[in-house]
Every structure is written in C-alpha cells, then in structure tokens.
PDB file of N, CA and C in Angstrom:
ATOM      1  N   GLY A   1     -16.270 111.744  28.930  1.00  0.00           N
ATOM      2  CA  GLY A   1     -16.232 112.619  27.792  1.00  0.00           C
ATOM      3  C   GLY A   1     -14.825 113.099  27.480  1.00  0.00           C
ATOM      4  N   GLU A   2     -14.720 113.854  26.455  1.00  0.00           N
ATOM      5  CA  GLU A   2     -13.432 114.342  25.945  1.00  0.00           C
ATOM      6  C   GLU A   2     -12.590 115.054  26.999  1.00  0.00           C
ATOM      7  N   ASP A   3     -13.226 115.796  27.889  1.00  0.00           N
ATOM      8  CA  ASP A   3     -12.495 116.607  28.871  1.00  0.00           C
ATOM      9  C   ASP A   3     -12.468 115.984  30.265  1.00  0.00           C
ATOM     10  N   ALA A   4     -12.737 114.695  30.372  1.00  0.00           N
ATOM     11  CA  ALA A   4     -12.881 114.053  31.685  1.00  0.00           C
ATOM     12  C   ALA A   4     -11.664 114.252  32.578  1.00  0.00           C
ATOM     13  N   VAL A   5     -10.468 114.016  32.051  1.00  0.00           N
ATOM     14  CA  VAL A   5      -9.262 114.122  32.882  1.00  0.00           C
ATOM     15  C   VAL A   5      -9.064 115.556  33.351  1.00  0.00           C
ATOM     16  N   GLU A   6      -9.133 116.512  32.443  1.00  0.00           N
ATOM     17  CA  GLU A   6      -8.923 117.916  32.800  1.00  0.00           C
ATOM     18  C   GLU A   6      -9.979 118.403  33.790  1.00  0.00           C
ATOM     19  N   TYR A   7     -11.213 118.007  33.580  1.00  0.00           N
ATOM     20  CA  TYR A   7     -12.323 118.381  34.455  1.00  0.00           C
ATOM     21  C   TYR A   7     -12.088 117.859  35.870  1.00  0.00           C
ATOM     22  N   LEU A   8     -11.744 116.581  35.992  1.00  0.00           N
ATOM     23  CA  LEU A   8     -11.516 115.996  37.313  1.00  0.00           C
ATOM     24  C   LEU A   8     -10.243 116.526  37.959  1.00  0.00           C
ATOM     25  N   GLN A   9      -9.224 116.820  37.171  1.00  0.00           N
ATOM     26  CA  GLN A   9      -8.002 117.404  37.724  1.00  0.00           C
ATOM     27  C   GLN A   9      -8.315 118.766  38.351  1.00  0.00           C
ATOM     28  N   PHE A  10      -9.226 119.504  37.745  1.00  0.00           N
ATOM     29  CA  PHE A  10      -9.618 120.808  38.278  1.00  0.00           C
ATOM     30  C   PHE A  10     -10.389 120.654  39.591  1.00  0.00           C
ATOM     31  N   LEU A  11     -11.278 119.675  39.666  1.00  0.00           N
ATOM     32  CA  LEU A  11     -12.136 119.503  40.840  1.00  0.00           C
ATOM     33  C   LEU A  11     -11.454 118.808  42.012  1.00  0.00           C
ATOM     34  N   CYS A  12     -10.473 117.972  41.738  1.00  0.00           N
ATOM     35  CA  CYS A  12      -9.891 117.093  42.758  1.00  0.00           C
ATOM     36  C   CYS A  12      -8.532 117.577  43.245  1.00  0.00           C
ATOM     37  N   SER A  13      -8.223 117.252  44.497  1.00  0.00           N
ATOM     38  CA  SER A  13      -6.931 117.642  45.060  1.00  0.00           C
ATOM     39  C   SER A  13      -5.833 116.638  44.735  1.00  0.00           C
ATOM     40  N   ALA A  14      -6.179 115.414  44.386  1.00  0.00           N
ATOM     41  CA  ALA A  14      -5.177 114.404  44.022  1.00  0.00           C
ATOM     42  C   ALA A  14      -5.081 114.299  42.501  1.00  0.00           C
ATOM     43  N   ASN A  15      -3.969 113.791  42.031  1.00  0.00           N
ATOM     44  CA  ASN A  15      -3.796 113.541  40.604  1.00  0.00           C
ATOM     45  C   ASN A  15      -4.670 112.355  40.207  1.00  0.00           C
ATOM     46  N   VAL A  16      -5.578 112.565  39.275  1.00  0.00           N
ATOM     47  CA  VAL A  16      -6.444 111.483  38.819  1.00  0.00           C
ATOM     48  C   VAL A  16      -6.011 110.939  37.462  1.00  0.00           C
ATOM     49  N   ASP A  17      -4.983 111.524  36.887  1.00  0.00           N
ATOM     50  CA  ASP A  17      -4.484 111.079  35.582  1.00  0.00           C
ATOM     51  C   ASP A  17      -3.545 109.889  35.775  1.00  0.00           C
ATOM     52  N   GLU A  18      -4.126 108.797  36.207  1.00  0.00           N
ATOM     53  CA  GLU A  18      -3.404 107.554  36.483  1.00  0.00           C
ATOM     54  C   GLU A  18      -3.814 106.500  35.451  1.00  0.00           C
ATOM     55  N   PRO A  19      -3.081 105.390  35.376  1.00  0.00           N
ATOM     56  CA  PRO A  19      -3.398 104.363  34.374  1.00  0.00           C
ATOM     57  C   PRO A  19      -4.804 103.780  34.536  1.00  0.00           C
ATOM     58  N   ILE A  20      -5.349 103.288  33.435  1.00  0.00           N
ATOM     59  CA  ILE A  20      -6.644 102.608  33.454  1.00  0.00           C
ATOM     60  C   ILE A  20      -6.558 101.443  34.437  1.00  0.00           C
ATOM     61  N   GLY A  21      -7.589 101.289  35.253  1.00  0.00           N
ATOM     62  CA  GLY A  21      -7.623 100.247  36.272  1.00  0.00           C
ATOM     63  C   GLY A  21      -7.207 100.746  37.644  1.00  0.00           C
ATOM     64  N   THR A  22      -6.739 101.991  37.716  1.00  0.00           N
ATOM     65  CA  THR A  22      -6.297 102.587  38.975  1.00  0.00           C
ATOM     66  C   THR A  22      -7.471 103.257  39.680  1.00  0.00           C
ATOM     67  N   THR A  23      -7.490 103.173  41.001  1.00  0.00           N
ATOM     68  CA  THR A  23      -8.466 103.889  41.817  1.00  0.00           C
ATOM     69  C   THR A  23      -7.721 104.868  42.704  1.00  0.00           C
ATOM     70  N   VAL A  24      -8.186 106.108  42.732  1.00  0.00           N
ATOM     71  CA  VAL A  24      -7.554 107.181  43.498  1.00  0.00           C
ATOM     72  C   VAL A  24      -8.538 107.688  44.548  1.00  0.00           C
ATOM     73  N   TYR A  25      -8.070 107.814  45.777  1.00  0.00           N
ATOM     74  CA  TYR A  25      -8.862 108.456  46.829  1.00  0.00           C
ATOM     75  C   TYR A  25      -8.492 109.933  46.819  1.00  0.00           C
ATOM     76  N   THR A  26      -9.489 110.803  46.775  1.00  0.00           N
ATOM     77  CA  THR A  26      -9.207 112.234  46.672  1.00  0.00           C
ATOM     78  C   THR A  26     -10.280 113.058  47.368  1.00  0.00           C
ATOM     79  N   GLY A  27      -9.949 114.285  47.609  1.00  0.00           N
ATOM     80  CA  GLY A  27     -10.915 115.258  48.089  1.00  0.00           C
ATOM     81  C   GLY A  27     -11.310 116.173  46.948  1.00  0.00           C
ATOM     82  N   MET A  28     -12.450 116.787  47.087  1.00  0.00           N
ATOM     83  CA  MET A  28     -12.888 117.823  46.149  1.00  0.00           C
ATOM     84  C   MET A  28     -13.098 119.082  46.967  1.00  0.00           C
ATOM     85  N   GLN A  29     -12.510 120.171  46.511  1.00  0.00           N
ATOM     86  CA  GLN A  29     -12.601 121.436  47.217  1.00  0.00           C
ATOM     87  C   GLN A  29     -13.243 122.491  46.324  1.00  0.00           C
ATOM     88  N   HIS A  30     -13.945 123.439  46.949  1.00  0.00           N
ATOM     89  CA  HIS A  30     -14.515 124.534  46.166  1.00  0.00           C
ATOM     90  C   HIS A  30     -13.448 125.590  45.908  1.00  0.00           C
ATOM     91  N   GLN A  31     -13.820 126.630  45.205  1.00  0.00           N
ATOM     92  CA  GLN A  31     -12.857 127.635  44.735  1.00  0.00           C
ATOM     93  C   GLN A  31     -12.117 128.360  45.857  1.00  0.00           C
ATOM     94  N   LYS A  32     -12.641 128.332  47.075  1.00  0.00           N
ATOM     95  CA  LYS A  32     -11.940 128.954  48.205  1.00  0.00           C
ATOM     96  C   LYS A  32     -11.113 127.940  48.993  1.00  0.00           C
ATOM     97  N   GLY A  33     -11.068 126.700  48.510  1.00  0.00           N
ATOM     98  CA  GLY A  33     -10.257 125.669  49.148  1.00  0.00           C
ATOM     99  C   GLY A  33     -10.976 124.858  50.200  1.00  0.00           C
ATOM    100  N   GLY A  34     -12.251 125.159  50.444  1.00  0.00           N
ATOM    101  CA  GLY A  34     -13.010 124.408  51.438  1.00  0.00           C
ATOM    102  C   GLY A  34     -13.479 123.058  50.913  1.00  0.00           C
ATOM    103  N   TYR A  35     -13.846 122.204  51.829  1.00  0.00           N
ATOM    104  CA  TYR A  35     -14.247 120.832  51.543  1.00  0.00           C
ATOM    105  C   TYR A  35     -15.606 120.755  50.853  1.00  0.00           C
ATOM    106  N   VAL A  36     -15.681 119.967  49.794  1.00  0.00           N
ATOM    107  CA  VAL A  36     -16.954 119.639  49.156  1.00  0.00           C
ATOM    108  C   VAL A  36     -17.301 118.183  49.466  1.00  0.00           C
ATOM    109  N   THR A  37     -16.390 117.279  49.183  1.00  0.00           N
ATOM    110  CA  THR A  37     -16.582 115.858  49.491  1.00  0.00           C
ATOM    111  C   THR A  37     -15.265 115.117  49.343  1.00  0.00           C
ATOM    112  N   ASP A  38     -15.237 113.899  49.832  1.00  0.00           N
ATOM    113  CA  ASP A  38     -14.146 112.994  49.507  1.00  0.00           C
ATOM    114  C   ASP A  38     -14.757 111.876  48.676  1.00  0.00           C
ATOM    115  N   CYS A  39     -13.938 111.241  47.863  1.00  0.00           N
ATOM    116  CA  CYS A  39     -14.457 110.214  46.974  1.00  0.00           C
ATOM    117  C   CYS A  39     -13.330 109.323  46.481  1.00  0.00           C
ATOM    118  N   THR A  40     -13.708 108.237  45.848  1.00  0.00           N
ATOM    119  CA  THR A  40     -12.747 107.440  45.101  1.00  0.00           C
ATOM    120  C   THR A  40     -13.137 107.533  43.639  1.00  0.00           C
ATOM    121  N   LEU A  41     -12.130 107.665  42.801  1.00  0.00           N
ATOM    122  CA  LEU A  41     -12.335 107.713  41.360  1.00  0.00           C
ATOM    123  C   LEU A  41     -11.593 106.545  40.738  1.00  0.00           C
ATOM    124  N   SER A  42     -12.325 105.689  40.052  1.00  0.00           N
ATOM    125  CA  SER A  42     -11.721 104.559  39.351  1.00  0.00           C
ATOM    126  C   SER A  42     -11.677 104.886  37.868  1.00  0.00           C
ATOM    127  N   ARG A  43     -10.507 104.726  37.283  1.00  0.00           N
ATOM    128  CA  ARG A  43     -10.368 105.012  35.854  1.00  0.00           C
ATOM    129  C   ARG A  43     -10.723 103.757  35.071  1.00  0.00           C
ATOM    130  N   LEU A  44     -11.808 103.839  34.316  1.00  0.00           N
ATOM    131  CA  LEU A  44     -12.308 102.708  33.549  1.00  0.00           C
ATOM    132  C   LEU A  44     -11.833 102.728  32.106  1.00  0.00           C
ATOM    133  N   GLY A  45     -11.455 103.892  31.614  1.00  0.00           N
ATOM    134  CA  GLY A  45     -10.996 104.057  30.236  1.00  0.00           C
ATOM    135  C   GLY A  45     -10.231 105.358  30.123  1.00  0.00           C
ATOM    136  N   GLU A  46      -9.734 105.666  28.930  1.00  0.00           N
ATOM    137  CA  GLU A  46      -8.972 106.904  28.737  1.00  0.00           C
ATOM    138  C   GLU A  46      -9.757 108.126  29.206  1.00  0.00           C
ATOM    139  N   LYS A  47     -11.060 108.127  28.920  1.00  0.00           N
ATOM    140  CA  LYS A  47     -11.898 109.284  29.235  1.00  0.00           C
ATOM    141  C   LYS A  47     -13.129 108.889  30.033  1.00  0.00           C
ATOM    142  N   LYS A  48     -13.015 107.800  30.800  1.00  0.00           N
ATOM    143  CA  LYS A  48     -14.171 107.295  31.551  1.00  0.00           C
ATOM    144  C   LYS A  48     -13.754 106.966  32.979  1.00  0.00           C
ATOM    145  N   PHE A  49     -14.490 107.549  33.943  1.00  0.00           N
ATOM    146  CA  PHE A  49     -14.220 107.357  35.366  1.00  0.00           C
ATOM    147  C   PHE A  49     -15.503 106.961  36.080  1.00  0.00           C
ATOM    148  N   PHE A  50     -15.348 106.282  37.208  1.00  0.00           N
ATOM    149  CA  PHE A  50     -16.473 105.919  38.068  1.00  0.00           C
ATOM    150  C   PHE A  50     -16.169 106.471  39.451  1.00  0.00           C
ATOM    151  N   MET A  51     -17.075 107.281  39.973  1.00  0.00           N
ATOM    152  CA  MET A  51     -16.859 107.954  41.257  1.00  0.00           C
ATOM    153  C   MET A  51     -17.756 107.354  42.332  1.00  0.00           C
ATOM    154  N   VAL A  52     -17.176 107.116  43.508  1.00  0.00           N
ATOM    155  CA  VAL A  52     -17.946 106.686  44.676  1.00  0.00           C
ATOM    156  C   VAL A  52     -17.743 107.736  45.757  1.00  0.00           C
ATOM    157  N   ALA A  53     -18.844 108.321  46.207  1.00  0.00           N
ATOM    158  CA  ALA A  53     -18.813 109.358  47.248  1.00  0.00           C
ATOM    159  C   ALA A  53     -19.902 109.026  48.271  1.00  0.00           C
ATOM    160  N   PRO A  54     -19.849 109.644  49.436  1.00  0.00           N
ATOM    161  CA  PRO A  54     -20.880 109.382  50.446  1.00  0.00           C
ATOM    162  C   PRO A  54     -22.289 109.648  49.908  1.00  0.00           C
ATOM    163  N   THR A  55     -23.173 108.682  50.073  1.00  0.00           N
ATOM    164  CA  THR A  55     -24.537 108.788  49.555  1.00  0.00           C
ATOM    165  C   THR A  55     -25.274 109.993  50.126  1.00  0.00           C
ATOM    166  N   ILE A  56     -25.005 110.328  51.373  1.00  0.00           N
ATOM    167  CA  ILE A  56     -25.699 111.445  52.014  1.00  0.00           C
ATOM    168  C   ILE A  56     -25.417 112.774  51.297  1.00  0.00           C
ATOM    169  N   GLN A  57     -24.323 112.841  50.551  1.00  0.00           N
ATOM    170  CA  GLN A  57     -23.947 114.069  49.848  1.00  0.00           C
ATOM    171  C   GLN A  57     -24.282 114.022  48.359  1.00  0.00           C
ATOM    172  N   GLN A  58     -24.951 112.989  47.928  1.00  0.00           N
ATOM    173  CA  GLN A  58     -25.145 112.748  46.508  1.00  0.00           C
ATOM    174  C   GLN A  58     -25.760 113.936  45.755  1.00  0.00           C
ATOM    175  N   GLU A  59     -26.845 114.483  46.216  1.00  0.00           N
ATOM    176  CA  GLU A  59     -27.512 115.568  45.485  1.00  0.00           C
ATOM    177  C   GLU A  59     -26.658 116.831  45.456  1.00  0.00           C
ATOM    178  N   ARG A  60     -26.093 117.204  46.594  1.00  0.00           N
ATOM    179  CA  ARG A  60     -25.271 118.417  46.670  1.00  0.00           C
ATOM    180  C   ARG A  60     -24.049 118.316  45.760  1.00  0.00           C
ATOM    181  N   VAL A  61     -23.377 117.167  45.774  1.00  0.00           N
ATOM    182  CA  VAL A  61     -22.173 116.988  44.960  1.00  0.00           C
ATOM    183  C   VAL A  61     -22.527 116.948  43.476  1.00  0.00           C
ATOM    184  N   LEU A  62     -23.616 116.294  43.125  1.00  0.00           N
ATOM    185  CA  LEU A  62     -24.044 116.239  41.726  1.00  0.00           C
ATOM    186  C   LEU A  62     -24.332 117.639  41.191  1.00  0.00           C
ATOM    187  N   VAL A  63     -25.040 118.451  41.957  1.00  0.00           N
ATOM    188  CA  VAL A  63     -25.331 119.833  41.554  1.00  0.00           C
ATOM    189  C   VAL A  63     -24.032 120.622  41.408  1.00  0.00           C
ATOM    190  N   TRP A  64     -23.112 120.463  42.353  1.00  0.00           N
ATOM    191  CA  TRP A  64     -21.828 121.174  42.325  1.00  0.00           C
ATOM    192  C   TRP A  64     -21.004 120.767  41.104  1.00  0.00           C
ATOM    193  N   MET A  65     -20.957 119.473  40.809  1.00  0.00           N
ATOM    194  CA  MET A  65     -20.185 119.003  39.654  1.00  0.00           C
ATOM    195  C   MET A  65     -20.781 119.510  38.346  1.00  0.00           C
ATOM    196  N   LYS A  66     -22.101 119.510  38.247  1.00  0.00           N
ATOM    197  CA  LYS A  66     -22.747 120.001  37.024  1.00  0.00           C
ATOM    198  C   LYS A  66     -22.569 121.509  36.878  1.00  0.00           C
ATOM    199  N   LYS A  67     -22.541 122.228  38.006  1.00  0.00           N
ATOM    200  CA  LYS A  67     -22.284 123.669  37.961  1.00  0.00           C
ATOM    201  C   LYS A  67     -20.919 123.931  37.335  1.00  0.00           C
ATOM    202  N   TRP A  68     -19.896 123.203  37.798  1.00  0.00           N
ATOM    203  CA  TRP A  68     -18.546 123.394  37.265  1.00  0.00           C
ATOM    204  C   TRP A  68     -18.411 122.877  35.839  1.00  0.00           C
ATOM    205  N   GLN A  69     -19.185 121.887  35.484  1.00  0.00           N
ATOM    206  CA  GLN A  69     -19.199 121.417  34.100  1.00  0.00           C
ATOM    207  C   GLN A  69     -19.651 122.552  33.186  1.00  0.00           C
ATOM    208  N   ALA A  70     -20.684 123.275  33.597  1.00  0.00           N
ATOM    209  CA  ALA A  70     -21.195 124.397  32.806  1.00  0.00           C
ATOM    210  C   ALA A  70     -20.216 125.568  32.800  1.00  0.00           C
ATOM    211  N   ILE A  71     -19.660 125.916  33.962  1.00  0.00           N
ATOM    212  CA  ILE A  71     -18.718 127.037  34.046  1.00  0.00           C
ATOM    213  C   ILE A  71     -17.495 126.787  33.175  1.00  0.00           C
ATOM    214  N   LEU A  72     -16.950 125.582  33.251  1.00  0.00           N
ATOM    215  CA  LEU A  72     -15.738 125.239  32.499  1.00  0.00           C
ATOM    216  C   LEU A  72     -16.024 124.863  31.050  1.00  0.00           C
ATOM    217  N   LYS A  73     -17.314 124.719  30.730  1.00  0.00           N
ATOM    218  CA  LYS A  73     -17.723 124.266  29.398  1.00  0.00           C
ATOM    219  C   LYS A  73     -17.047 122.941  29.049  1.00  0.00           C
ATOM    220  N   SER A  74     -16.991 122.067  30.045  1.00  0.00           N
ATOM    221  CA  SER A  74     -16.329 120.770  29.888  1.00  0.00           C
ATOM    222  C   SER A  74     -17.204 119.800  29.102  1.00  0.00           C
ATOM    223  N   ARG A  75     -16.565 119.091  28.199  1.00  0.00           N
ATOM    224  CA  ARG A  75     -17.249 118.054  27.427  1.00  0.00           C
ATOM    225  C   ARG A  75     -17.161 116.749  28.225  1.00  0.00           C
ATOM    226  N   VAL A  76     -18.048 116.663  29.230  1.00  0.00           N
ATOM    227  CA  VAL A  76     -18.120 115.483  30.084  1.00  0.00           C
ATOM    228  C   VAL A  76     -19.585 115.115  30.286  1.00  0.00           C
ATOM    229  N   HIS A  77     -19.807 113.879  30.688  1.00  0.00           N
ATOM    230  CA  HIS A  77     -21.153 113.402  31.013  1.00  0.00           C
ATOM    231  C   HIS A  77     -21.141 113.014  32.488  1.00  0.00           C
ATOM    232  N   VAL A  78     -21.896 113.738  33.298  1.00  0.00           N
ATOM    233  CA  VAL A  78     -21.987 113.458  34.731  1.00  0.00           C
ATOM    234  C   VAL A  78     -23.357 112.845  34.982  1.00  0.00           C
ATOM    235  N   GLN A  79     -23.361 111.627  35.506  1.00  0.00           N
ATOM    236  CA  GLN A  79     -24.618 110.906  35.708  1.00  0.00           C
ATOM    237  C   GLN A  79     -24.642 110.276  37.092  1.00  0.00           C
ATOM    238  N   ASP A  80     -25.762 110.402  37.778  1.00  0.00           N
ATOM    239  CA  ASP A  80     -25.954 109.779  39.087  1.00  0.00           C
ATOM    240  C   ASP A  80     -26.440 108.346  38.874  1.00  0.00           C
ATOM    241  N   VAL A  81     -25.621 107.378  39.283  1.00  0.00           N
ATOM    242  CA  VAL A  81     -25.989 105.964  39.154  1.00  0.00           C
ATOM    243  C   VAL A  81     -26.108 105.309  40.533  1.00  0.00           C
ATOM    244  N   THR A  82     -26.369 106.127  41.543  1.00  0.00           N
ATOM    245  CA  THR A  82     -26.442 105.646  42.923  1.00  0.00           C
ATOM    246  C   THR A  82     -27.384 104.460  43.071  1.00  0.00           C
ATOM    247  N   GLY A  83     -28.540 104.515  42.443  1.00  0.00           N
ATOM    248  CA  GLY A  83     -29.526 103.456  42.574  1.00  0.00           C
ATOM    249  C   GLY A  83     -29.149 102.153  41.897  1.00  0.00           C
ATOM    250  N   ALA A  84     -28.130 102.173  41.052  1.00  0.00           N
ATOM    251  CA  ALA A  84     -27.751 100.978  40.295  1.00  0.00           C
ATOM    252  C   ALA A  84     -26.610 100.189  40.929  1.00  0.00           C
ATOM    253  N   TYR A  85     -25.916 100.781  41.899  1.00  0.00           N
ATOM    254  CA  TYR A  85     -24.727 100.142  42.464  1.00  0.00           C
ATOM    255  C   TYR A  85     -24.719 100.220  43.985  1.00  0.00           C
ATOM    256  N   THR A  86     -23.934  99.349  44.591  1.00  0.00           N
ATOM    257  CA  THR A  86     -23.660  99.383  46.019  1.00  0.00           C
ATOM    258  C   THR A  86     -22.154  99.353  46.193  1.00  0.00           C
ATOM    259  N   ALA A  87     -21.633 100.129  47.114  1.00  0.00           N
ATOM    260  CA  ALA A  87     -20.194 100.141  47.389  1.00  0.00           C
ATOM    261  C   ALA A  87     -19.956  99.572  48.778  1.00  0.00           C
ATOM    262  N   LEU A  88     -18.916  98.788  48.897  1.00  0.00           N
ATOM    263  CA  LEU A  88     -18.509  98.226  50.172  1.00  0.00           C
ATOM    264  C   LEU A  88     -17.051  98.600  50.382  1.00  0.00           C
ATOM    265  N   ASP A  89     -16.766  99.364  51.424  1.00  0.00           N
ATOM    266  CA  ASP A  89     -15.390  99.772  51.713  1.00  0.00           C
ATOM    267  C   ASP A  89     -14.692  98.698  52.528  1.00  0.00           C
ATOM    268  N   LEU A  90     -13.545  98.285  52.048  1.00  0.00           N
ATOM    269  CA  LEU A  90     -12.694  97.349  52.763  1.00  0.00           C
ATOM    270  C   LEU A  90     -11.370  98.069  52.973  1.00  0.00           C
ATOM    271  N   ILE A  91     -11.151  98.545  54.199  1.00  0.00           N
ATOM    272  CA  ILE A  91     -10.041  99.447  54.489  1.00  0.00           C
ATOM    273  C   ILE A  91      -9.193  98.871  55.613  1.00  0.00           C
ATOM    274  N   GLY A  92      -7.888  99.082  55.516  1.00  0.00           N
ATOM    275  CA  GLY A  92      -6.995  98.681  56.592  1.00  0.00           C
ATOM    276  C   GLY A  92      -5.798  97.901  56.093  1.00  0.00           C
ATOM    277  N   PRO A  93      -4.875  97.608  56.995  1.00  0.00           N
ATOM    278  CA  PRO A  93      -3.620  96.978  56.592  1.00  0.00           C
ATOM    279  C   PRO A  93      -3.784  95.568  56.015  1.00  0.00           C
ATOM    280  N   SER A  94      -4.858  94.884  56.324  1.00  0.00           N
ATOM    281  CA  SER A  94      -5.064  93.524  55.801  1.00  0.00           C
ATOM    282  C   SER A  94      -6.007  93.489  54.603  1.00  0.00           C
ATOM    283  N   SER A  95      -6.420  94.650  54.100  1.00  0.00           N
ATOM    284  CA  SER A  95      -7.413  94.686  53.025  1.00  0.00           C
ATOM    285  C   SER A  95      -6.920  93.990  51.755  1.00  0.00           C
ATOM    286  N   ARG A  96      -5.651  94.164  51.394  1.00  0.00           N
ATOM    287  CA  ARG A  96      -5.132  93.486  50.195  1.00  0.00           C
ATOM    288  C   ARG A  96      -5.169  91.974  50.376  1.00  0.00           C
ATOM    289  N   TYR A  97      -4.808  91.521  51.564  1.00  0.00           N
ATOM    290  CA  TYR A  97      -4.839  90.088  51.857  1.00  0.00           C
ATOM    291  C   TYR A  97      -6.267  89.548  51.722  1.00  0.00           C
ATOM    292  N   LEU A  98      -7.221  90.248  52.303  1.00  0.00           N
ATOM    293  CA  LEU A  98      -8.612  89.802  52.255  1.00  0.00           C
ATOM    294  C   LEU A  98      -9.151  89.773  50.829  1.00  0.00           C
ATOM    295  N   MET A  99      -8.747  90.738  50.013  1.00  0.00           N
ATOM    296  CA  MET A  99      -9.199  90.782  48.622  1.00  0.00           C
ATOM    297  C   MET A  99      -8.586  89.649  47.806  1.00  0.00           C
ATOM    298  N   GLY A 100      -7.447  89.146  48.245  1.00  0.00           N
ATOM    299  CA  GLY A 100      -6.772  88.086  47.510  1.00  0.00           C
ATOM    300  C   GLY A 100      -7.298  86.698  47.816  1.00  0.00           C
ATOM    301  N   THR A 101      -8.163  86.586  48.829  1.00  0.00           N
ATOM    302  CA  THR A 101      -8.649  85.250  49.198  1.00  0.00           C
ATOM    303  C   THR A 101     -10.047  85.007  48.685  1.00  0.00           C
TER     304      THR A 101
END
C-alpha cells in the first residue's frame, strides 16, 4: 500500500528502503525495544514487500502488525499467505555459490 515503506521502517530495526529485488534480514521490536520477531523482507515493488518470518510466530506477529497498522493509520495491506508458500533457508558462506549452480 501507499505507506508500506514508512510502516515497515517504523516496525523494523534495519533499513528496508532498499532497491526493488533486494531482501533485507531484520528484527522487529515493540515500543519498549523488546523482540517481536526476526524476518526477511523482499521488496517486490515500490510499495510491495513479501515477509518471511518463523511460522510458529505467525498469528502473534500478524495481530501485532495489524495493531500497528491501525494505530499508525497506515495505508497498507497485511495478509497472511503462509498456506500458499514454503520458504527454504540457505545460509552460510557457500550459499551464493550453491544458488548459482
């Protein structure tokens, strides 16, 4: 939505205002600075992002994000698409090499 970048910048500890096609690993903290979740945010368009977070936290994080959407009156669309996708983490010093083959 229109406020996607500003909304995510408020929720996330890392800068998410990166070029389209970029994926950022970030934490999300509540108003007292405590941990809510960690996630990756992939920028799909100027105002469109795709978030991958631990499935075990899906309901809690979705409720928290929608709460802040209402508080901030952000023009964003937050949707749970957990059932439609699967994520596979490939992490480590050889991950770029493995992705290239």
